[in-house]
Amino acid sequence: MIHEKIFQLKSGREAKVIVKALYLHDNPQFNTEYEILIKEPKEKYFRTPIGVNHPQYWKMKRSSASQARMLLMEYSGVSQRQVNQALSEFNRIINYHPAQIGLHYESELL
């Protein structure tokens, strides 16, 4: 399952947090991961905050996964609170019974 949340940042750019659940084969539990993409006001598509041409790219590649994630958050402008908000929305949605998901969003639209 994938959940996307877009945040409008003070700098004018948009940041998209993509939360993914990967189900483990032998276990009913799932592993949650997230990705951060950004879009400047004049850009058409979202992109990674640190690309190959970014000065911190190689520093990010040499660091551990958690340190790389922190660098991405820092350079994207997304706060830990915003990432936690996207993760909690995802967890709330994933805990709904499949029949209730449509009913929940239908009541929000009315």
N, C-alpha and C. Protein backbone atom coordinates (compact mmCIF):
# COMPACT_ATOMS: atom_id res chain seq x y z
N MET A 1 0.85 -1.16 0.00
CA MET A 1 0.00 0.00 0.00
C MET A 1 0.90 1.23 0.00
N ILE A 2 0.46 2.29 -0.69
CA ILE A 2 1.21 3.52 -0.80
C ILE A 2 0.31 4.69 -0.40
N HIS A 3 0.85 5.62 0.38
CA HIS A 3 0.12 6.83 0.79
C HIS A 3 1.01 8.03 0.48
N GLU A 4 0.45 9.04 -0.19
CA GLU A 4 1.21 10.24 -0.52
C GLU A 4 0.59 11.44 0.17
N LYS A 5 1.44 12.29 0.74
CA LYS A 5 1.00 13.50 1.43
C LYS A 5 1.86 14.65 0.91
N ILE A 6 1.22 15.73 0.43
CA ILE A 6 1.94 16.89 -0.09
C ILE A 6 1.84 18.03 0.91
N PHE A 7 3.00 18.63 1.21
CA PHE A 7 3.07 19.76 2.13
C PHE A 7 3.52 21.01 1.37
N GLN A 8 2.88 22.14 1.65
CA GLN A 8 3.31 23.44 1.13
C GLN A 8 4.30 24.01 2.13
N LEU A 9 5.53 24.24 1.71
CA LEU A 9 6.56 24.75 2.60
C LEU A 9 6.62 26.27 2.54
N LYS A 10 7.21 26.89 3.56
CA LYS A 10 7.30 28.35 3.64
C LYS A 10 8.11 28.93 2.50
N SER A 11 9.05 28.17 1.98
CA SER A 11 9.91 28.64 0.89
C SER A 11 9.17 28.70 -0.45
N GLY A 12 7.94 28.19 -0.50
CA GLY A 12 7.17 28.18 -1.74
C GLY A 12 7.23 26.84 -2.46
N ARG A 13 8.15 26.00 -2.10
CA ARG A 13 8.23 24.70 -2.74
C ARG A 13 7.23 23.74 -2.11
N GLU A 14 6.94 22.66 -2.82
CA GLU A 14 6.08 21.60 -2.31
C GLU A 14 6.94 20.39 -2.01
N ALA A 15 6.59 19.70 -0.96
CA ALA A 15 7.30 18.47 -0.60
C ALA A 15 6.28 17.34 -0.51
N LYS A 16 6.61 16.23 -1.12
CA LYS A 16 5.74 15.06 -1.10
C LYS A 16 6.40 13.97 -0.29
N VAL A 17 5.67 13.46 0.71
CA VAL A 17 6.15 12.33 1.51
C VAL A 17 5.36 11.11 1.04
N ILE A 18 6.06 10.11 0.56
CA ILE A 18 5.45 8.89 0.06
C ILE A 18 5.74 7.78 1.07
N VAL A 19 4.70 7.24 1.67
CA VAL A 19 4.84 6.17 2.66
C VAL A 19 4.44 4.86 2.00
N LYS A 20 5.27 3.84 2.15
CA LYS A 20 5.02 2.53 1.55
C LYS A 20 5.06 1.46 2.61
N ALA A 21 4.17 0.49 2.50
CA ALA A 21 4.18 -0.67 3.38
C ALA A 21 4.60 -1.88 2.56
N LEU A 22 5.62 -2.56 3.04
CA LEU A 22 6.10 -3.76 2.39
C LEU A 22 5.78 -4.93 3.30
N TYR A 23 4.94 -5.83 2.82
CA TYR A 23 4.56 -6.99 3.63
C TYR A 23 5.66 -8.03 3.58
N LEU A 24 5.96 -8.58 4.74
CA LEU A 24 6.96 -9.63 4.84
C LEU A 24 6.31 -10.97 4.49
N HIS A 25 7.04 -11.84 3.81
CA HIS A 25 6.46 -13.09 3.30
C HIS A 25 5.97 -14.03 4.39
N ASP A 26 6.75 -14.23 5.42
CA ASP A 26 6.41 -15.22 6.43
C ASP A 26 5.71 -14.63 7.65
N ASN A 27 5.40 -13.34 7.62
CA ASN A 27 4.91 -12.66 8.80
C ASN A 27 3.73 -11.76 8.41
N PRO A 28 2.67 -11.71 9.20
CA PRO A 28 1.54 -10.86 8.86
C PRO A 28 1.83 -9.36 9.06
N GLN A 29 2.95 -9.03 9.70
CA GLN A 29 3.31 -7.63 9.90
C GLN A 29 3.93 -7.06 8.63
N PHE A 30 4.07 -5.74 8.60
CA PHE A 30 4.64 -5.09 7.43
C PHE A 30 5.73 -4.12 7.84
N ASN A 31 6.60 -3.82 6.90
CA ASN A 31 7.69 -2.88 7.10
C ASN A 31 7.30 -1.56 6.43
N THR A 32 7.41 -0.44 7.15
CA THR A 32 7.02 0.86 6.62
C THR A 32 8.26 1.66 6.25
N GLU A 33 8.26 2.21 5.04
CA GLU A 33 9.35 3.06 4.56
C GLU A 33 8.73 4.33 4.00
N TYR A 34 9.54 5.41 3.96
CA TYR A 34 9.04 6.63 3.34
C TYR A 34 10.11 7.24 2.45
N GLU A 35 9.64 8.05 1.51
CA GLU A 35 10.50 8.72 0.54
C GLU A 35 10.06 10.18 0.48
N ILE A 36 10.99 11.10 0.28
CA ILE A 36 10.67 12.52 0.21
C ILE A 36 11.07 13.04 -1.16
N LEU A 37 10.13 13.72 -1.83
CA LEU A 37 10.38 14.37 -3.11
C LEU A 37 10.01 15.85 -2.97
N ILE A 38 10.62 16.71 -3.79
CA ILE A 38 10.31 18.13 -3.74
C ILE A 38 9.98 18.65 -5.14
N LYS A 39 9.31 19.80 -5.15
CA LYS A 39 8.99 20.47 -6.42
C LYS A 39 9.07 21.96 -6.17
N GLU A 40 9.91 22.64 -6.93
CA GLU A 40 10.02 24.10 -6.84
C GLU A 40 8.79 24.72 -7.50
N PRO A 41 8.47 25.98 -7.19
CA PRO A 41 7.25 26.60 -7.74
C PRO A 41 7.15 26.57 -9.26
N LYS A 42 8.27 26.69 -9.96
CA LYS A 42 8.21 26.73 -11.43
C LYS A 42 8.41 25.36 -12.09
N GLU A 43 8.67 24.35 -11.29
CA GLU A 43 8.88 23.01 -11.83
C GLU A 43 7.54 22.31 -12.03
N LYS A 44 7.54 21.38 -12.96
CA LYS A 44 6.33 20.64 -13.29
C LYS A 44 6.21 19.34 -12.51
N TYR A 45 7.32 18.69 -12.20
CA TYR A 45 7.31 17.37 -11.59
C TYR A 45 8.12 17.36 -10.29
N PHE A 46 7.80 16.40 -9.44
CA PHE A 46 8.55 16.22 -8.20
C PHE A 46 9.87 15.51 -8.51
N ARG A 47 10.88 15.80 -7.68
CA ARG A 47 12.21 15.20 -7.86
C ARG A 47 12.82 14.95 -6.48
N THR A 48 13.93 14.23 -6.46
CA THR A 48 14.62 13.98 -5.19
C THR A 48 15.32 15.27 -4.75
N PRO A 49 15.38 15.53 -3.44
CA PRO A 49 16.02 16.75 -2.96
C PRO A 49 17.52 16.80 -3.22
N ILE A 50 18.18 15.64 -3.17
CA ILE A 50 19.62 15.58 -3.39
C ILE A 50 19.88 14.70 -4.60
N GLY A 51 20.28 15.33 -5.70
CA GLY A 51 20.59 14.59 -6.92
C GLY A 51 22.09 14.39 -7.07
N VAL A 52 22.51 13.82 -8.16
CA VAL A 52 23.92 13.53 -8.41
C VAL A 52 24.75 14.82 -8.41
N ASN A 53 24.18 15.93 -8.86
CA ASN A 53 24.92 17.19 -8.93
C ASN A 53 24.96 17.95 -7.61
N HIS A 54 24.24 17.51 -6.61
CA HIS A 54 24.22 18.19 -5.31
C HIS A 54 25.53 17.95 -4.58
N PRO A 55 26.10 18.99 -3.92
CA PRO A 55 27.39 18.80 -3.23
C PRO A 55 27.36 17.76 -2.11
N GLN A 56 26.20 17.52 -1.52
CA GLN A 56 26.11 16.56 -0.41
C GLN A 56 25.76 15.14 -0.88
N TYR A 57 25.65 14.92 -2.18
CA TYR A 57 25.23 13.62 -2.71
C TYR A 57 26.14 12.49 -2.23
N TRP A 58 27.46 12.66 -2.36
CA TRP A 58 28.38 11.59 -2.00
C TRP A 58 28.44 11.38 -0.50
N LYS A 59 28.23 12.46 0.26
CA LYS A 59 28.17 12.33 1.72
C LYS A 59 26.97 11.47 2.11
N MET A 60 25.84 11.68 1.40
CA MET A 60 24.64 10.90 1.67
C MET A 60 24.85 9.44 1.28
N LYS A 61 25.52 9.19 0.17
CA LYS A 61 25.74 7.81 -0.30
C LYS A 61 26.65 7.03 0.66
N ARG A 62 27.60 7.72 1.32
CA ARG A 62 28.53 7.05 2.23
C ARG A 62 27.94 6.85 3.62
N SER A 63 26.86 7.54 3.95
CA SER A 63 26.30 7.46 5.31
C SER A 63 25.33 6.28 5.43
N SER A 64 24.93 6.00 6.67
CA SER A 64 23.98 4.91 6.91
C SER A 64 22.59 5.32 6.42
N ALA A 65 21.68 4.38 6.40
CA ALA A 65 20.32 4.65 5.89
C ALA A 65 19.62 5.72 6.72
N SER A 66 19.74 5.65 8.03
CA SER A 66 19.07 6.63 8.88
C SER A 66 19.69 8.02 8.74
N GLN A 67 21.02 8.08 8.60
CA GLN A 67 21.68 9.36 8.40
C GLN A 67 21.33 9.95 7.04
N ALA A 68 21.23 9.11 6.01
CA ALA A 68 20.85 9.58 4.68
C ALA A 68 19.43 10.13 4.69
N ARG A 69 18.54 9.46 5.43
CA ARG A 69 17.17 9.93 5.55
C ARG A 69 17.11 11.30 6.23
N MET A 70 17.94 11.50 7.25
CA MET A 70 18.00 12.79 7.95
C MET A 70 18.53 13.89 7.02
N LEU A 71 19.54 13.56 6.19
CA LEU A 71 20.05 14.54 5.23
C LEU A 71 18.98 14.92 4.22
N LEU A 72 18.24 13.93 3.74
CA LEU A 72 17.16 14.21 2.79
C LEU A 72 16.11 15.13 3.40
N MET A 73 15.75 14.86 4.66
CA MET A 73 14.77 15.72 5.34
C MET A 73 15.31 17.14 5.47
N GLU A 74 16.58 17.27 5.84
CA GLU A 74 17.19 18.59 6.03
C GLU A 74 17.19 19.39 4.73
N TYR A 75 17.60 18.78 3.64
CA TYR A 75 17.70 19.50 2.37
C TYR A 75 16.36 19.67 1.65
N SER A 76 15.36 18.91 2.02
CA SER A 76 14.04 19.09 1.41
C SER A 76 13.25 20.18 2.11
N GLY A 77 13.53 20.43 3.40
CA GLY A 77 12.77 21.42 4.16
C GLY A 77 11.60 20.81 4.92
N VAL A 78 11.45 19.50 4.87
CA VAL A 78 10.38 18.80 5.58
C VAL A 78 10.83 18.55 7.01
N SER A 79 9.95 18.79 7.96
CA SER A 79 10.28 18.56 9.37
C SER A 79 9.91 17.13 9.77
N GLN A 80 10.47 16.69 10.88
CA GLN A 80 10.15 15.36 11.41
C GLN A 80 8.67 15.28 11.76
N ARG A 81 8.09 16.40 12.22
CA ARG A 81 6.66 16.45 12.56
C ARG A 81 5.80 16.16 11.33
N GLN A 82 6.18 16.70 10.17
CA GLN A 82 5.42 16.46 8.95
C GLN A 82 5.54 15.01 8.49
N VAL A 83 6.72 14.44 8.61
CA VAL A 83 6.90 13.03 8.27
C VAL A 83 6.06 12.16 9.20
N ASN A 84 6.08 12.49 10.50
CA ASN A 84 5.27 11.74 11.46
C ASN A 84 3.78 11.87 11.16
N GLN A 85 3.35 13.04 10.69
CA GLN A 85 1.95 13.23 10.33
C GLN A 85 1.56 12.30 9.17
N ALA A 86 2.41 12.23 8.15
CA ALA A 86 2.14 11.34 7.01
C ALA A 86 2.13 9.88 7.45
N LEU A 87 3.07 9.51 8.33
CA LEU A 87 3.12 8.14 8.83
C LEU A 87 1.89 7.80 9.66
N SER A 88 1.43 8.72 10.50
CA SER A 88 0.24 8.43 11.32
C SER A 88 -1.02 8.34 10.46
N GLU A 89 -1.13 9.17 9.41
CA GLU A 89 -2.26 9.04 8.48
C GLU A 89 -2.24 7.68 7.81
N PHE A 90 -1.06 7.26 7.38
CA PHE A 90 -0.91 5.97 6.73
C PHE A 90 -1.32 4.84 7.68
N ASN A 91 -0.83 4.89 8.92
CA ASN A 91 -1.17 3.85 9.89
C ASN A 91 -2.66 3.84 10.21
N ARG A 92 -3.28 5.02 10.25
CA ARG A 92 -4.72 5.09 10.50
C ARG A 92 -5.49 4.46 9.34
N ILE A 93 -5.07 4.73 8.12
CA ILE A 93 -5.75 4.18 6.94
C ILE A 93 -5.56 2.67 6.86
N ILE A 94 -4.36 2.20 7.12
CA ILE A 94 -4.08 0.76 6.98
C ILE A 94 -4.83 -0.06 8.02
N ASN A 95 -5.20 0.55 9.14
CA ASN A 95 -5.93 -0.18 10.18
C ASN A 95 -7.43 -0.25 9.95
N TYR A 96 -7.94 0.48 8.95
CA TYR A 96 -9.36 0.39 8.62
C TYR A 96 -9.67 -0.96 7.99
N HIS A 97 -10.86 -1.45 8.24
CA HIS A 97 -11.35 -2.62 7.52
C HIS A 97 -11.60 -2.18 6.08
N PRO A 98 -11.31 -3.00 5.07
CA PRO A 98 -11.47 -2.57 3.68
C PRO A 98 -12.85 -2.01 3.35
N ALA A 99 -13.90 -2.52 3.96
CA ALA A 99 -15.24 -2.01 3.68
C ALA A 99 -15.45 -0.62 4.28
N GLN A 100 -14.71 -0.29 5.34
CA GLN A 100 -14.88 1.00 5.99
C GLN A 100 -14.11 2.12 5.30
N ILE A 101 -13.12 1.81 4.50
CA ILE A 101 -12.30 2.85 3.87
C ILE A 101 -13.17 3.75 3.00
N GLY A 102 -13.99 3.16 2.15
CA GLY A 102 -14.86 3.95 1.29
C GLY A 102 -15.86 4.75 2.09
N LEU A 103 -16.43 4.17 3.14
CA LEU A 103 -17.39 4.88 3.96
C LEU A 103 -16.75 6.05 4.69
N HIS A 104 -15.52 5.88 5.16
CA HIS A 104 -14.83 6.94 5.89
C HIS A 104 -14.59 8.14 4.97
N TYR A 105 -14.06 7.90 3.78
CA TYR A 105 -13.76 9.01 2.88
C TYR A 105 -15.03 9.61 2.29
N GLU A 106 -16.07 8.81 2.15
CA GLU A 106 -17.34 9.34 1.67
C GLU A 106 -17.90 10.34 2.68
N SER A 107 -17.81 10.06 3.96
CA SER A 107 -18.30 10.99 4.99
C SER A 107 -17.45 12.25 5.04
N GLU A 108 -16.15 12.16 4.74
CA GLU A 108 -15.30 13.35 4.71
C GLU A 108 -15.64 14.25 3.53
N LEU A 109 -16.08 13.67 2.43
CA LEU A 109 -16.40 14.45 1.25
C LEU A 109 -17.71 15.20 1.39
N LEU A 110 -18.62 14.70 2.21
CA LEU A 110 -19.93 15.34 2.35
C LEU A 110 -19.88 16.57 3.17
